[in-house]
């Protein structure tokens, strides 16, 4: 009886810790769509926020103005940016790089090589 209560308390505590560690994503950013020539890429932001070994700063890294608020990727990653890779290069590096690393670690991850698995054109 005592053991089962202890286990329940530990599970509740562990669940609360995981929930507390998961950053809150604004409702309008839970799923983000990035239009591109190959087709729209849909990013499940909320689903990625709770992954182990992934911190917000992995993608939301540095800002030239040192401001604490989150910026749109395209604020720095533009076609004429000198200090940052273009948006396409930055996304491919981060997204594919993370997926590849995760798969190599023996875990499931999103697409790595097939463009059409991320870039989806609207059906006609």
PDB file of N, CA and C in Angstrom:
ATOM      1  N   UNK A   1       0.822  -1.185   0.000  1.00  0.00           N
ATOM      2  CA  UNK A   1       0.000   0.000   0.000  1.00  0.00           C
ATOM      3  C   UNK A   1       0.875   1.261   0.000  1.00  0.00           C
ATOM      4  N   UNK A   2       1.844   1.287   0.906  1.00  0.00           N
ATOM      5  CA  UNK A   2       2.739   2.435   0.982  1.00  0.00           C
ATOM      6  C   UNK A   2       3.531   2.570  -0.316  1.00  0.00           C
ATOM      7  N   UNK A   3       3.991   1.447  -0.853  1.00  0.00           N
ATOM      8  CA  UNK A   3       4.779   1.458  -2.078  1.00  0.00           C
ATOM      9  C   UNK A   3       3.967   2.004  -3.253  1.00  0.00           C
ATOM     10  N   UNK A   4       2.720   1.591  -3.387  1.00  0.00           N
ATOM     11  CA  UNK A   4       1.893   2.079  -4.496  1.00  0.00           C
ATOM     12  C   UNK A   4       1.627   3.575  -4.360  1.00  0.00           C
ATOM     13  N   UNK A   5       1.437   4.054  -3.127  1.00  0.00           N
ATOM     14  CA  UNK A   5       1.242   5.502  -2.921  1.00  0.00           C
ATOM     15  C   UNK A   5       2.512   6.272  -3.285  1.00  0.00           C
ATOM     16  N   UNK A   6       3.635   5.720  -2.891  1.00  0.00           N
ATOM     17  CA  UNK A   6       4.911   6.356  -3.189  1.00  0.00           C
ATOM     18  C   UNK A   6       5.134   6.425  -4.696  1.00  0.00           C
ATOM     19  N   UNK A   7       4.822   5.359  -5.382  1.00  0.00           N
ATOM     20  CA  UNK A   7       4.965   5.331  -6.837  1.00  0.00           C
ATOM     21  C   UNK A   7       4.049   6.368  -7.480  1.00  0.00           C
ATOM     22  N   UNK A   8       2.810   6.463  -7.016  1.00  0.00           N
ATOM     23  CA  UNK A   8       1.872   7.463  -7.557  1.00  0.00           C
ATOM     24  C   UNK A   8       2.390   8.878  -7.342  1.00  0.00           C
ATOM     25  N   UNK A   9       2.904   9.138  -6.174  1.00  0.00           N
ATOM     26  CA  UNK A   9       3.436  10.475  -5.872  1.00  0.00           C
ATOM     27  C   UNK A   9       4.635  10.769  -6.779  1.00  0.00           C
ATOM     28  N   UNK A  10       5.500   9.781  -6.959  1.00  0.00           N
ATOM     29  CA  UNK A  10       6.667   9.978  -7.818  1.00  0.00           C
ATOM     30  C   UNK A  10       6.255  10.233  -9.269  1.00  0.00           C
ATOM     31  N   UNK A  11       5.260   9.496  -9.748  1.00  0.00           N
ATOM     32  CA  UNK A  11       4.786   9.706 -11.113  1.00  0.00           C
ATOM     33  C   UNK A  11       4.174  11.093 -11.291  1.00  0.00           C
ATOM     34  N   UNK A  12       3.391  11.525 -10.319  1.00  0.00           N
ATOM     35  CA  UNK A  12       2.809  12.868 -10.378  1.00  0.00           C
ATOM     36  C   UNK A  12       3.899  13.931 -10.384  1.00  0.00           C
ATOM     37  N   UNK A  13       4.909  13.759  -9.564  1.00  0.00           N
ATOM     38  CA  UNK A  13       6.016  14.705  -9.505  1.00  0.00           C
ATOM     39  C   UNK A  13       6.770  14.727 -10.831  1.00  0.00           C
ATOM     40  N   UNK A  14       7.053  13.560 -11.384  1.00  0.00           N
ATOM     41  CA  UNK A  14       7.773  13.483 -12.658  1.00  0.00           C
ATOM     42  C   UNK A  14       6.973  14.142 -13.775  1.00  0.00           C
ATOM     43  N   UNK A  15       5.671  13.908 -13.805  1.00  0.00           N
ATOM     44  CA  UNK A  15       4.812  14.530 -14.820  1.00  0.00           C
ATOM     45  C   UNK A  15       4.820  16.042 -14.674  1.00  0.00           C
ATOM     46  N   UNK A  16       4.741  16.521 -13.457  1.00  0.00           N
ATOM     47  CA  UNK A  16       4.762  17.972 -13.219  1.00  0.00           C
ATOM     48  C   UNK A  16       6.087  18.576 -13.648  1.00  0.00           C
ATOM     49  N   UNK A  17       7.183  17.877 -13.406  1.00  0.00           N
ATOM     50  CA  UNK A  17       8.501  18.375 -13.808  1.00  0.00           C
ATOM     51  C   UNK A  17       8.615  18.456 -15.322  1.00  0.00           C
ATOM     52  N   UNK A  18       8.138  17.453 -16.030  1.00  0.00           N
ATOM     53  CA  UNK A  18       8.186  17.459 -17.492  1.00  0.00           C
ATOM     54  C   UNK A  18       7.330  18.591 -18.031  1.00  0.00           C
ATOM     55  N   UNK A  19       6.134  18.768 -17.487  1.00  0.00           N
ATOM     56  CA  UNK A  19       5.255  19.833 -17.948  1.00  0.00           C
ATOM     57  C   UNK A  19       5.862  21.195 -17.657  1.00  0.00           C
ATOM     58  N   UNK A  20       6.513  21.343 -16.512  1.00  0.00           N
ATOM     59  CA  UNK A  20       7.131  22.620 -16.163  1.00  0.00           C
ATOM     60  C   UNK A  20       8.314  22.923 -17.063  1.00  0.00           C
ATOM     61  N   UNK A  21       9.011  21.876 -17.526  1.00  0.00           N
ATOM     62  CA  UNK A  21      10.180  22.073 -18.371  1.00  0.00           C
ATOM     63  C   UNK A  21       9.801  22.373 -19.815  1.00  0.00           C
ATOM     64  N   UNK A  22       8.586  22.033 -20.218  1.00  0.00           N
ATOM     65  CA  UNK A  22       8.150  22.294 -21.582  1.00  0.00           C
ATOM     66  C   UNK A  22       7.735  23.753 -21.701  1.00  0.00           C
ATOM     67  N   UNK A  23       8.426  24.499 -22.578  1.00  0.00           N
ATOM     68  CA  UNK A  23       8.086  25.913 -22.704  1.00  0.00           C
ATOM     69  C   UNK A  23       6.693  26.108 -23.288  1.00  0.00           C
ATOM     70  N   UNK A  24       6.075  27.203 -22.894  1.00  0.00           N
ATOM     71  CA  UNK A  24       4.744  27.505 -23.403  1.00  0.00           C
ATOM     72  C   UNK A  24       4.870  28.148 -24.775  1.00  0.00           C
ATOM     73  N   UNK A  25       4.199  27.581 -25.740  1.00  0.00           N
ATOM     74  CA  UNK A  25       4.195  28.088 -27.106  1.00  0.00           C
ATOM     75  C   UNK A  25       2.899  28.874 -27.289  1.00  0.00           C
ATOM     76  N   UNK A  26       2.986  30.106 -27.790  1.00  0.00           N
ATOM     77  CA  UNK A  26       1.749  30.849 -28.048  1.00  0.00           C
ATOM     78  C   UNK A  26       0.852  30.075 -29.010  1.00  0.00           C
ATOM     79  N   UNK A  27      -0.455  30.161 -28.816  1.00  0.00           N
ATOM     80  CA  UNK A  27      -1.413  29.394 -29.627  1.00  0.00           C
ATOM     81  C   UNK A  27      -1.223  29.624 -31.125  1.00  0.00           C
ATOM     82  N   UNK A  28      -0.896  30.857 -31.506  1.00  0.00           N
ATOM     83  CA  UNK A  28      -0.731  31.145 -32.936  1.00  0.00           C
ATOM     84  C   UNK A  28       0.597  30.644 -33.495  1.00  0.00           C
ATOM     85  N   UNK A  29       1.454  30.067 -32.637  1.00  0.00           N
ATOM     86  CA  UNK A  29       2.749  29.530 -33.071  1.00  0.00           C
ATOM     87  C   UNK A  29       2.861  28.026 -32.843  1.00  0.00           C
ATOM     88  N   UNK A  30       1.776  27.376 -32.403  1.00  0.00           N
ATOM     89  CA  UNK A  30       1.816  25.931 -32.130  1.00  0.00           C
ATOM     90  C   UNK A  30       2.148  25.152 -33.394  1.00  0.00           C
ATOM     91  N   UNK A  31       1.610  25.588 -34.513  1.00  0.00           N
ATOM     92  CA  UNK A  31       1.928  25.018 -35.823  1.00  0.00           C
ATOM     93  C   UNK A  31       2.258  26.201 -36.727  1.00  0.00           C
ATOM     94  N   UNK A  32       3.428  26.135 -37.355  1.00  0.00           N
ATOM     95  CA  UNK A  32       3.875  27.237 -38.207  1.00  0.00           C
ATOM     96  C   UNK A  32       4.039  26.721 -39.625  1.00  0.00           C
ATOM     97  N   UNK A  33       3.552  27.482 -40.587  1.00  0.00           N
ATOM     98  CA  UNK A  33       3.703  27.108 -41.995  1.00  0.00           C
ATOM     99  C   UNK A  33       4.688  28.053 -42.659  1.00  0.00           C
ATOM    100  N   UNK A  34       5.651  27.459 -43.366  1.00  0.00           N
ATOM    101  CA  UNK A  34       6.656  28.208 -44.099  1.00  0.00           C
ATOM    102  C   UNK A  34       6.450  27.974 -45.589  1.00  0.00           C
ATOM    103  N   UNK A  35       5.957  28.975 -46.315  1.00  0.00           N
ATOM    104  CA  UNK A  35       5.776  28.795 -47.755  1.00  0.00           C
ATOM    105  C   UNK A  35       7.133  28.736 -48.462  1.00  0.00           C
ATOM    106  N   UNK A  36       7.217  27.908 -49.495  1.00  0.00           N
ATOM    107  CA  UNK A  36       8.430  27.838 -50.308  1.00  0.00           C
ATOM    108  C   UNK A  36       8.048  27.435 -51.729  1.00  0.00           C
ATOM    109  N   UNK A  37       8.999  27.549 -52.626  1.00  0.00           N
ATOM    110  CA  UNK A  37       8.747  27.211 -54.031  1.00  0.00           C
ATOM    111  C   UNK A  37       8.385  25.737 -54.203  1.00  0.00           C
ATOM    112  N   UNK A  38       8.986  24.876 -53.396  1.00  0.00           N
ATOM    113  CA  UNK A  38       8.721  23.433 -53.510  1.00  0.00           C
ATOM    114  C   UNK A  38       7.416  23.012 -52.851  1.00  0.00           C
ATOM    115  N   UNK A  39       6.849  23.870 -52.039  1.00  0.00           N
ATOM    116  CA  UNK A  39       5.626  23.556 -51.308  1.00  0.00           C
ATOM    117  C   UNK A  39       5.757  23.988 -49.861  1.00  0.00           C
ATOM    118  N   UNK A  40       4.661  24.153 -49.209  1.00  0.00           N
ATOM    119  CA  UNK A  40       4.641  24.642 -47.834  1.00  0.00           C
ATOM    120  C   UNK A  40       5.190  23.608 -46.857  1.00  0.00           C
ATOM    121  N   UNK A  41       6.045  24.071 -45.961  1.00  0.00           N
ATOM    122  CA  UNK A  41       6.583  23.227 -44.895  1.00  0.00           C
ATOM    123  C   UNK A  41       5.798  23.557 -43.633  1.00  0.00           C
ATOM    124  N   UNK A  42       5.201  22.536 -43.030  1.00  0.00           N
ATOM    125  CA  UNK A  42       4.441  22.714 -41.797  1.00  0.00           C
ATOM    126  C   UNK A  42       5.292  22.218 -40.635  1.00  0.00           C
ATOM    127  N   UNK A  43       5.541  23.102 -39.688  1.00  0.00           N
ATOM    128  CA  UNK A  43       6.381  22.793 -38.533  1.00  0.00           C
ATOM    129  C   UNK A  43       5.514  22.691 -37.291  1.00  0.00           C
ATOM    130  N   UNK A  44       5.505  21.532 -36.672  1.00  0.00           N
ATOM    131  CA  UNK A  44       4.753  21.305 -35.438  1.00  0.00           C
ATOM    132  C   UNK A  44       5.582  21.824 -34.267  1.00  0.00           C
ATOM    133  N   UNK A  45       5.548  23.124 -34.090  1.00  0.00           N
ATOM    134  CA  UNK A  45       6.352  23.816 -33.087  1.00  0.00           C
ATOM    135  C   UNK A  45       6.103  23.265 -31.685  1.00  0.00           C
ATOM    136  N   UNK A  46       4.835  23.136 -31.336  1.00  0.00           N
ATOM    137  CA  UNK A  46       4.474  22.662 -30.004  1.00  0.00           C
ATOM    138  C   UNK A  46       4.998  21.246 -29.755  1.00  0.00           C
ATOM    139  N   UNK A  47       4.952  20.400 -30.776  1.00  0.00           N
ATOM    140  CA  UNK A  47       5.435  19.024 -30.633  1.00  0.00           C
ATOM    141  C   UNK A  47       6.947  18.972 -30.426  1.00  0.00           C
ATOM    142  N   UNK A  48       7.681  19.895 -31.047  1.00  0.00           N
ATOM    143  CA  UNK A  48       9.134  19.912 -30.920  1.00  0.00           C
ATOM    144  C   UNK A  48       9.598  20.520 -29.603  1.00  0.00           C
ATOM    145  N   UNK A  49       8.776  21.350 -28.984  1.00  0.00           N
ATOM    146  CA  UNK A  49       9.174  22.080 -27.782  1.00  0.00           C
ATOM    147  C   UNK A  49       9.465  21.169 -26.599  1.00  0.00           C
ATOM    148  N   UNK A  50       8.841  20.017 -26.532  1.00  0.00           N
ATOM    149  CA  UNK A  50       9.037  19.143 -25.391  1.00  0.00           C
ATOM    150  C   UNK A  50      10.038  18.022 -25.614  1.00  0.00           C
ATOM    151  N   UNK A  51      10.751  18.049 -26.724  1.00  0.00           N
ATOM    152  CA  UNK A  51      11.699  16.977 -27.016  1.00  0.00           C
ATOM    153  C   UNK A  51      12.912  17.043 -26.100  1.00  0.00           C
ATOM    154  N   UNK A  52      13.439  15.870 -25.747  1.00  0.00           N
ATOM    155  CA  UNK A  52      14.626  15.871 -24.897  1.00  0.00           C
ATOM    156  C   UNK A  52      15.826  16.346 -25.712  1.00  0.00           C
ATOM    157  N   UNK A  53      16.767  16.931 -25.036  1.00  0.00           N
ATOM    158  CA  UNK A  53      17.995  17.462 -25.637  1.00  0.00           C
ATOM    159  C   UNK A  53      17.754  18.609 -26.617  1.00  0.00           C
ATOM    160  N   UNK A  54      16.565  19.200 -26.605  1.00  0.00           N
ATOM    161  CA  UNK A  54      16.288  20.343 -27.476  1.00  0.00           C
ATOM    162  C   UNK A  54      15.855  21.506 -26.591  1.00  0.00           C
ATOM    163  N   UNK A  55      16.568  22.586 -26.722  1.00  0.00           N
ATOM    164  CA  UNK A  55      16.224  23.793 -25.983  1.00  0.00           C
ATOM    165  C   UNK A  55      15.730  24.834 -26.971  1.00  0.00           C
ATOM    166  N   UNK A  56      14.996  25.794 -26.507  1.00  0.00           N
ATOM    167  CA  UNK A  56      14.499  26.862 -27.381  1.00  0.00           C
ATOM    168  C   UNK A  56      15.644  27.523 -28.134  1.00  0.00           C
ATOM    169  N   UNK A  57      16.771  27.715 -27.430  1.00  0.00           N
ATOM    170  CA  UNK A  57      17.887  28.419 -28.056  1.00  0.00           C
ATOM    171  C   UNK A  57      18.558  27.613 -29.170  1.00  0.00           C
ATOM    172  N   UNK A  58      18.174  26.351 -29.326  1.00  0.00           N
ATOM    173  CA  UNK A  58      18.699  25.571 -30.442  1.00  0.00           C
ATOM    174  C   UNK A  58      18.321  26.243 -31.758  1.00  0.00           C
ATOM    175  N   UNK A  59      17.102  26.703 -31.850  1.00  0.00           N
ATOM    176  CA  UNK A  59      16.645  27.397 -33.061  1.00  0.00           C
ATOM    177  C   UNK A  59      16.585  28.908 -32.842  1.00  0.00           C
ATOM    178  N   UNK A  60      16.078  29.308 -31.684  1.00  0.00           N
ATOM    179  CA  UNK A  60      15.976  30.729 -31.353  1.00  0.00           C
ATOM    180  C   UNK A  60      17.281  31.120 -30.657  1.00  0.00           C
ATOM    181  N   UNK A  61      18.314  31.313 -31.443  1.00  0.00           N
ATOM    182  CA  UNK A  61      19.648  31.421 -30.879  1.00  0.00           C
ATOM    183  C   UNK A  61      20.087  32.840 -30.571  1.00  0.00           C
ATOM    184  N   UNK A  62      20.725  33.536 -31.483  1.00  0.00           N
ATOM    185  CA  UNK A  62      21.268  34.859 -31.171  1.00  0.00           C
ATOM    186  C   UNK A  62      20.594  35.940 -31.999  1.00  0.00           C
ATOM    187  N   UNK A  63      20.530  37.115 -31.420  1.00  0.00           N
ATOM    188  CA  UNK A  63      19.930  38.256 -32.106  1.00  0.00           C
ATOM    189  C   UNK A  63      20.905  39.421 -32.059  1.00  0.00           C
ATOM    190  N   UNK A  64      21.095  40.087 -33.177  1.00  0.00           N
ATOM    191  CA  UNK A  64      22.039  41.210 -33.211  1.00  0.00           C
ATOM    192  C   UNK A  64      21.713  42.307 -32.195  1.00  0.00           C
ATOM    193  N   UNK A  65      20.441  42.519 -31.914  1.00  0.00           N
ATOM    194  CA  UNK A  65      20.065  43.587 -30.980  1.00  0.00           C
ATOM    195  C   UNK A  65      20.049  43.124 -29.523  1.00  0.00           C
ATOM    196  N   UNK A  66      20.399  41.863 -29.282  1.00  0.00           N
ATOM    197  CA  UNK A  66      20.473  41.287 -27.926  1.00  0.00           C
ATOM    198  C   UNK A  66      19.159  41.341 -27.163  1.00  0.00           C
ATOM    199  N   UNK A  67      18.053  41.497 -27.863  1.00  0.00           N
ATOM    200  CA  UNK A  67      16.761  41.581 -27.187  1.00  0.00           C
ATOM    201  C   UNK A  67      16.315  40.195 -26.724  1.00  0.00           C
ATOM    202  N   UNK A  68      15.581  40.130 -25.607  1.00  0.00           N
ATOM    203  CA  UNK A  68      15.158  38.834 -25.075  1.00  0.00           C
ATOM    204  C   UNK A  68      13.975  38.217 -25.823  1.00  0.00           C
ATOM    205  N   UNK A  69      13.203  39.018 -26.564  1.00  0.00           N
ATOM    206  CA  UNK A  69      12.039  38.443 -27.231  1.00  0.00           C
ATOM    207  C   UNK A  69      12.444  37.651 -28.479  1.00  0.00           C
ATOM    208  N   UNK A  70      11.586  36.732 -28.859  1.00  0.00           N
ATOM    209  CA  UNK A  70      11.814  35.868 -30.012  1.00  0.00           C
ATOM    210  C   UNK A  70      11.565  36.662 -31.293  1.00  0.00           C
ATOM    211  N   UNK A  71      12.477  36.510 -32.234  1.00  0.00           N
ATOM    212  CA  UNK A  71      12.342  37.175 -33.527  1.00  0.00           C
ATOM    213  C   UNK A  71      11.899  36.180 -34.582  1.00  0.00           C
ATOM    214  N   UNK A  72      11.309  36.676 -35.643  1.00  0.00           N
ATOM    215  CA  UNK A  72      11.002  35.847 -36.803  1.00  0.00           C
ATOM    216  C   UNK A  72      12.328  35.478 -37.468  1.00  0.00           C
ATOM    217  N   UNK A  73      12.455  34.255 -37.909  1.00  0.00           N
ATOM    218  CA  UNK A  73      13.699  33.785 -38.546  1.00  0.00           C
ATOM    219  C   UNK A  73      14.144  34.708 -39.675  1.00  0.00           C
ATOM    220  N   UNK A  74      13.156  35.190 -40.411  1.00  0.00           N
ATOM    221  CA  UNK A  74      13.468  36.014 -41.584  1.00  0.00           C
ATOM    222  C   UNK A  74      13.954  37.416 -41.217  1.00  0.00           C
ATOM    223  N   UNK A  75      13.933  37.767 -39.934  1.00  0.00           N
ATOM    224  CA  UNK A  75      14.482  39.058 -39.527  1.00  0.00           C
ATOM    225  C   UNK A  75      15.996  39.101 -39.777  1.00  0.00           C
ATOM    226  N   UNK A  76      16.657  37.973 -39.611  1.00  0.00           N
ATOM    227  CA  UNK A  76      18.113  37.907 -39.816  1.00  0.00           C
ATOM    228  C   UNK A  76      18.487  37.070 -41.043  1.00  0.00           C
ATOM    229  N   UNK A  77      17.766  35.975 -41.243  1.00  0.00           N
ATOM    230  CA  UNK A  77      18.089  35.050 -42.331  1.00  0.00           C
ATOM    231  C   UNK A  77      17.393  35.501 -43.616  1.00  0.00           C
ATOM    232  N   UNK A  78      17.962  36.518 -44.231  1.00  0.00           N
ATOM    233  CA  UNK A  78      17.405  37.077 -45.460  1.00  0.00           C
ATOM    234  C   UNK A  78      18.317  36.764 -46.639  1.00  0.00           C
ATOM    235  N   UNK A  79      17.834  37.028 -47.837  1.00  0.00           N
ATOM    236  CA  UNK A  79      18.647  36.748 -49.033  1.00  0.00           C
ATOM    237  C   UNK A  79      19.873  37.647 -49.115  1.00  0.00           C
ATOM    238  N   UNK A  80      19.829  38.805 -48.461  1.00  0.00           N
ATOM    239  CA  UNK A  80      20.975  39.708 -48.522  1.00  0.00           C
ATOM    240  C   UNK A  80      21.773  39.757 -47.209  1.00  0.00           C
ATOM    241  N   UNK A  81      21.525  38.814 -46.309  1.00  0.00           N
ATOM    242  CA  UNK A  81      22.232  38.779 -45.024  1.00  0.00           C
ATOM    243  C   UNK A  81      23.701  38.460 -45.238  1.00  0.00           C
ATOM    244  N   UNK A  82      24.553  39.182 -44.519  1.00  0.00           N
ATOM    245  CA  UNK A  82      25.990  38.950 -44.622  1.00  0.00           C
ATOM    246  C   UNK A  82      26.498  38.057 -43.486  1.00  0.00           C
ATOM    247  N   UNK A  83      25.859  38.158 -42.318  1.00  0.00           N
ATOM    248  CA  UNK A  83      26.338  37.443 -41.136  1.00  0.00           C
ATOM    249  C   UNK A  83      25.548  36.187 -40.800  1.00  0.00           C
ATOM    250  N   UNK A  84      24.495  35.907 -41.550  1.00  0.00           N
ATOM    251  CA  UNK A  84      23.650  34.748 -41.249  1.00  0.00           C
ATOM    252  C   UNK A  84      23.332  34.010 -42.541  1.00  0.00           C
ATOM    253  N   UNK A  85      23.223  32.673 -42.476  1.00  0.00           N
ATOM    254  CA  UNK A  85      22.834  31.940 -43.692  1.00  0.00           C
ATOM    255  C   UNK A  85      21.411  32.308 -44.107  1.00  0.00           C
ATOM    256  N   UNK A  86      21.132  32.161 -45.377  1.00  0.00           N
ATOM    257  CA  UNK A  86      19.783  32.423 -45.883  1.00  0.00           C
ATOM    258  C   UNK A  86      18.804  31.489 -45.178  1.00  0.00           C
ATOM    259  N   UNK A  87      17.537  31.878 -45.177  1.00  0.00           N
ATOM    260  CA  UNK A  87      16.504  31.109 -44.481  1.00  0.00           C
ATOM    261  C   UNK A  87      16.531  29.644 -44.892  1.00  0.00           C
ATOM    262  N   UNK A  88      16.542  29.382 -46.189  1.00  0.00           N
ATOM    263  CA  UNK A  88      16.538  28.006 -46.699  1.00  0.00           C
ATOM    264  C   UNK A  88      17.719  27.212 -46.139  1.00  0.00           C
ATOM    265  N   UNK A  89      18.899  27.798 -46.181  1.00  0.00           N
ATOM    266  CA  UNK A  89      20.098  27.108 -45.682  1.00  0.00           C
ATOM    267  C   UNK A  89      20.013  26.875 -44.171  1.00  0.00           C
ATOM    268  N   UNK A  90      19.529  27.873 -43.445  1.00  0.00           N
ATOM    269  CA  UNK A  90      19.424  27.745 -41.989  1.00  0.00           C
ATOM    270  C   UNK A  90      18.435  26.650 -41.599  1.00  0.00           C
ATOM    271  N   UNK A  91      17.268  26.631 -42.252  1.00  0.00           N
ATOM    272  CA  UNK A  91      16.274  25.604 -41.951  1.00  0.00           C
ATOM    273  C   UNK A  91      16.783  24.213 -42.311  1.00  0.00           C
ATOM    274  N   UNK A  92      17.362  24.073 -43.479  1.00  0.00           N
ATOM    275  CA  UNK A  92      17.868  22.768 -43.880  1.00  0.00           C
ATOM    276  C   UNK A  92      18.947  22.292 -42.917  1.00  0.00           C
ATOM    277  N   UNK A  93      19.830  23.183 -42.517  1.00  0.00           N
ATOM    278  CA  UNK A  93      20.890  22.826 -41.580  1.00  0.00           C
ATOM    279  C   UNK A  93      20.308  22.384 -40.240  1.00  0.00           C
ATOM    280  N   UNK A  94      19.402  23.184 -39.683  1.00  0.00           N
ATOM    281  CA  UNK A  94      18.826  22.868 -38.374  1.00  0.00           C
ATOM    282  C   UNK A  94      17.899  21.656 -38.433  1.00  0.00           C
ATOM    283  N   UNK A  95      16.927  21.695 -39.337  1.00  0.00           N
ATOM    284  CA  UNK A  95      15.906  20.636 -39.378  1.00  0.00           C
ATOM    285  C   UNK A  95      16.495  19.298 -39.796  1.00  0.00           C
ATOM    286  N   UNK A  96      17.136  19.272 -40.959  1.00  0.00           N
ATOM    287  CA  UNK A  96      17.707  18.014 -41.434  1.00  0.00           C
ATOM    288  C   UNK A  96      18.821  17.537 -40.512  1.00  0.00           C
ATOM    289  N   UNK A  97      19.619  18.481 -40.011  1.00  0.00           N
ATOM    290  CA  UNK A  97      20.709  18.110 -39.112  1.00  0.00           C
ATOM    291  C   UNK A  97      20.198  17.446 -37.848  1.00  0.00           C
ATOM    292  N   UNK A  98      19.154  18.001 -37.262  1.00  0.00           N
ATOM    293  CA  UNK A  98      18.578  17.430 -36.040  1.00  0.00           C
ATOM    294  C   UNK A  98      17.928  16.080 -36.326  1.00  0.00           C
ATOM    295  N   UNK A  99      17.184  15.992 -37.424  1.00  0.00           N
ATOM    296  CA  UNK A  99      16.548  14.724 -37.774  1.00  0.00           C
ATOM    297  C   UNK A  99      17.598  13.645 -38.017  1.00  0.00           C
ATOM    298  N   UNK A 100      18.652  13.984 -38.744  1.00  0.00           N
ATOM    299  CA  UNK A 100      19.719  13.014 -39.039  1.00  0.00           C
ATOM    300  C   UNK A 100      20.406  12.561 -37.748  1.00  0.00           C
ATOM    301  N   UNK A 101      20.736  13.500 -36.885  1.00  0.00           N
ATOM    302  CA  UNK A 101      21.372  13.186 -35.603  1.00  0.00           C
ATOM    303  C   UNK A 101      20.483  12.270 -34.769  1.00  0.00           C
ATOM    304  N   UNK A 102      19.196  12.564 -34.742  1.00  0.00           N
ATOM    305  CA  UNK A 102      18.250  11.775 -33.955  1.00  0.00           C
ATOM    306  C   UNK A 102      18.144  10.356 -34.492  1.00  0.00           C
ATOM    307  N   UNK A 103      18.052  10.214 -35.814  1.00  0.00           N
ATOM    308  CA  UNK A 103      17.975   8.883 -36.436  1.00  0.00           C
ATOM    309  C   UNK A 103      19.265   8.099 -36.167  1.00  0.00           C
ATOM    310  N   UNK A 104      20.406   8.768 -36.288  1.00  0.00           N
ATOM    311  CA  UNK A 104      21.684   8.101 -36.026  1.00  0.00           C
ATOM    312  C   UNK A 104      21.818   7.669 -34.570  1.00  0.00           C
ATOM    313  N   UNK A 105      21.075   8.333 -33.682  1.00  0.00           N
ATOM    314  CA  UNK A 105      21.078   7.978 -32.261  1.00  0.00           C
ATOM    315  C   UNK A 105      20.132   6.821 -31.966  1.00  0.00           C
ATOM    316  N   UNK A 106      19.464   6.311 -33.018  1.00  0.00           N
ATOM    317  CA  UNK A 106      18.573   5.173 -32.860  1.00  0.00           C
ATOM    318  C   UNK A 106      17.136   5.530 -32.532  1.00  0.00           C
ATOM    319  N   UNK A 107      16.775   6.804 -32.655  1.00  0.00           N
ATOM    320  CA  UNK A 107      15.411   7.232 -32.361  1.00  0.00           C
ATOM    321  C   UNK A 107      14.712   7.670 -33.642  1.00  0.00           C
ATOM    322  N   UNK A 108      13.391   7.745 -33.582  1.00  0.00           N
ATOM    323  CA  UNK A 108      12.608   8.191 -34.736  1.00  0.00           C
ATOM    324  C   UNK A 108      12.683   9.704 -34.846  1.00  0.00           C
ATOM    325  N   UNK A 109      12.667  10.165 -36.089  1.00  0.00           N
ATOM    326  CA  UNK A 109      12.693  11.611 -36.346  1.00  0.00           C
ATOM    327  C   UNK A 109      11.994  11.891 -37.659  1.00  0.00           C
ATOM    328  N   UNK A 110      11.873  13.145 -37.970  1.00  0.00           N
ATOM    329  CA  UNK A 110      11.247  13.563 -39.214  1.00  0.00           C
ATOM    330  C   UNK A 110      12.125  13.265 -40.414  1.00  0.00           C
ATOM    331  N   UNK A 111      11.674  13.674 -41.587  1.00  0.00           N
ATOM    332  CA  UNK A 111      12.384  13.398 -42.834  1.00  0.00           C
ATOM    333  C   UNK A 111      13.807  13.962 -42.846  1.00  0.00           C
ATOM    334  N   UNK A 112      14.658  13.276 -43.604  1.00  0.00           N
ATOM    335  CA  UNK A 112      16.044  13.702 -43.741  1.00  0.00           C
ATOM    336  C   UNK A 112      16.378  14.012 -45.195  1.00  0.00           C
ATOM    337  N   UNK A 113      15.920  13.160 -46.132  1.00  0.00           N
ATOM    338  CA  UNK A 113      16.357  13.298 -47.518  1.00  0.00           C
ATOM    339  C   UNK A 113      15.241  13.591 -48.517  1.00  0.00           C
ATOM    340  N   UNK A 114      14.063  13.107 -48.299  1.00  0.00           N
ATOM    341  CA  UNK A 114      12.995  13.252 -49.291  1.00  0.00           C
ATOM    342  C   UNK A 114      12.296  14.598 -49.124  1.00  0.00           C
ATOM    343  N   UNK A 115      12.572  15.509 -50.043  1.00  0.00           N
ATOM    344  CA  UNK A 115      12.059  16.885 -49.969  1.00  0.00           C
ATOM    345  C   UNK A 115      10.543  16.940 -49.813  1.00  0.00           C
ATOM    346  N   UNK A 116       9.832  16.099 -50.561  1.00  0.00           N
ATOM    347  CA  UNK A 116       8.363  16.163 -50.596  1.00  0.00           C
ATOM    348  C   UNK A 116       7.711  15.721 -49.283  1.00  0.00           C
ATOM    349  N   UNK A 117       8.480  15.138 -48.369  1.00  0.00           N
ATOM    350  CA  UNK A 117       7.909  14.777 -47.073  1.00  0.00           C
ATOM    351  C   UNK A 117       7.719  16.009 -46.189  1.00  0.00           C
ATOM    352  N   UNK A 118       8.489  17.048 -46.434  1.00  0.00           N
ATOM    353  CA  UNK A 118       8.330  18.318 -45.702  1.00  0.00           C
ATOM    354  C   UNK A 118       7.652  19.359 -46.571  1.00  0.00           C
ATOM    355  N   UNK A 119       8.086  19.443 -47.820  1.00  0.00           N
ATOM    356  CA  UNK A 119       7.535  20.433 -48.756  1.00  0.00           C
ATOM    357  C   UNK A 119       6.319  19.841 -49.440  1.00  0.00           C
ATOM    358  N   UNK A 120       5.149  20.333 -49.058  1.00  0.00           N
ATOM    359  CA  UNK A 120       3.893  19.774 -49.584  1.00  0.00           C
ATOM    360  C   UNK A 120       3.175  20.824 -50.429  1.00  0.00           C
ATOM    361  N   UNK A 121       2.940  20.475 -51.687  1.00  0.00           N
ATOM    362  CA  UNK A 121       2.172  21.359 -52.574  1.00  0.00           C
ATOM    363  C   UNK A 121       0.693  21.085 -52.366  1.00  0.00           C
ATOM    364  N   UNK A 122      -0.133  22.123 -52.466  1.00  0.00           N
ATOM    365  CA  UNK A 122      -1.570  21.913 -52.288  1.00  0.00           C
ATOM    366  C   UNK A 122      -2.098  20.960 -53.354  1.00  0.00           C
ATOM    367  N   UNK A 123      -3.005  20.083 -52.951  1.00  0.00           N
ATOM    368  CA  UNK A 123      -3.602  19.151 -53.925  1.00  0.00           C
ATOM    369  C   UNK A 123      -4.576  19.913 -54.811  1.00  0.00           C
ATOM    370  N   UNK A 124      -4.637  19.482 -56.051  1.00  0.00           N
ATOM    371  CA  UNK A 124      -5.497  20.169 -57.030  1.00  0.00           C
ATOM    372  C   UNK A 124      -6.861  19.554 -57.077  1.00  0.00           C
TER     373      UNK A 124
END
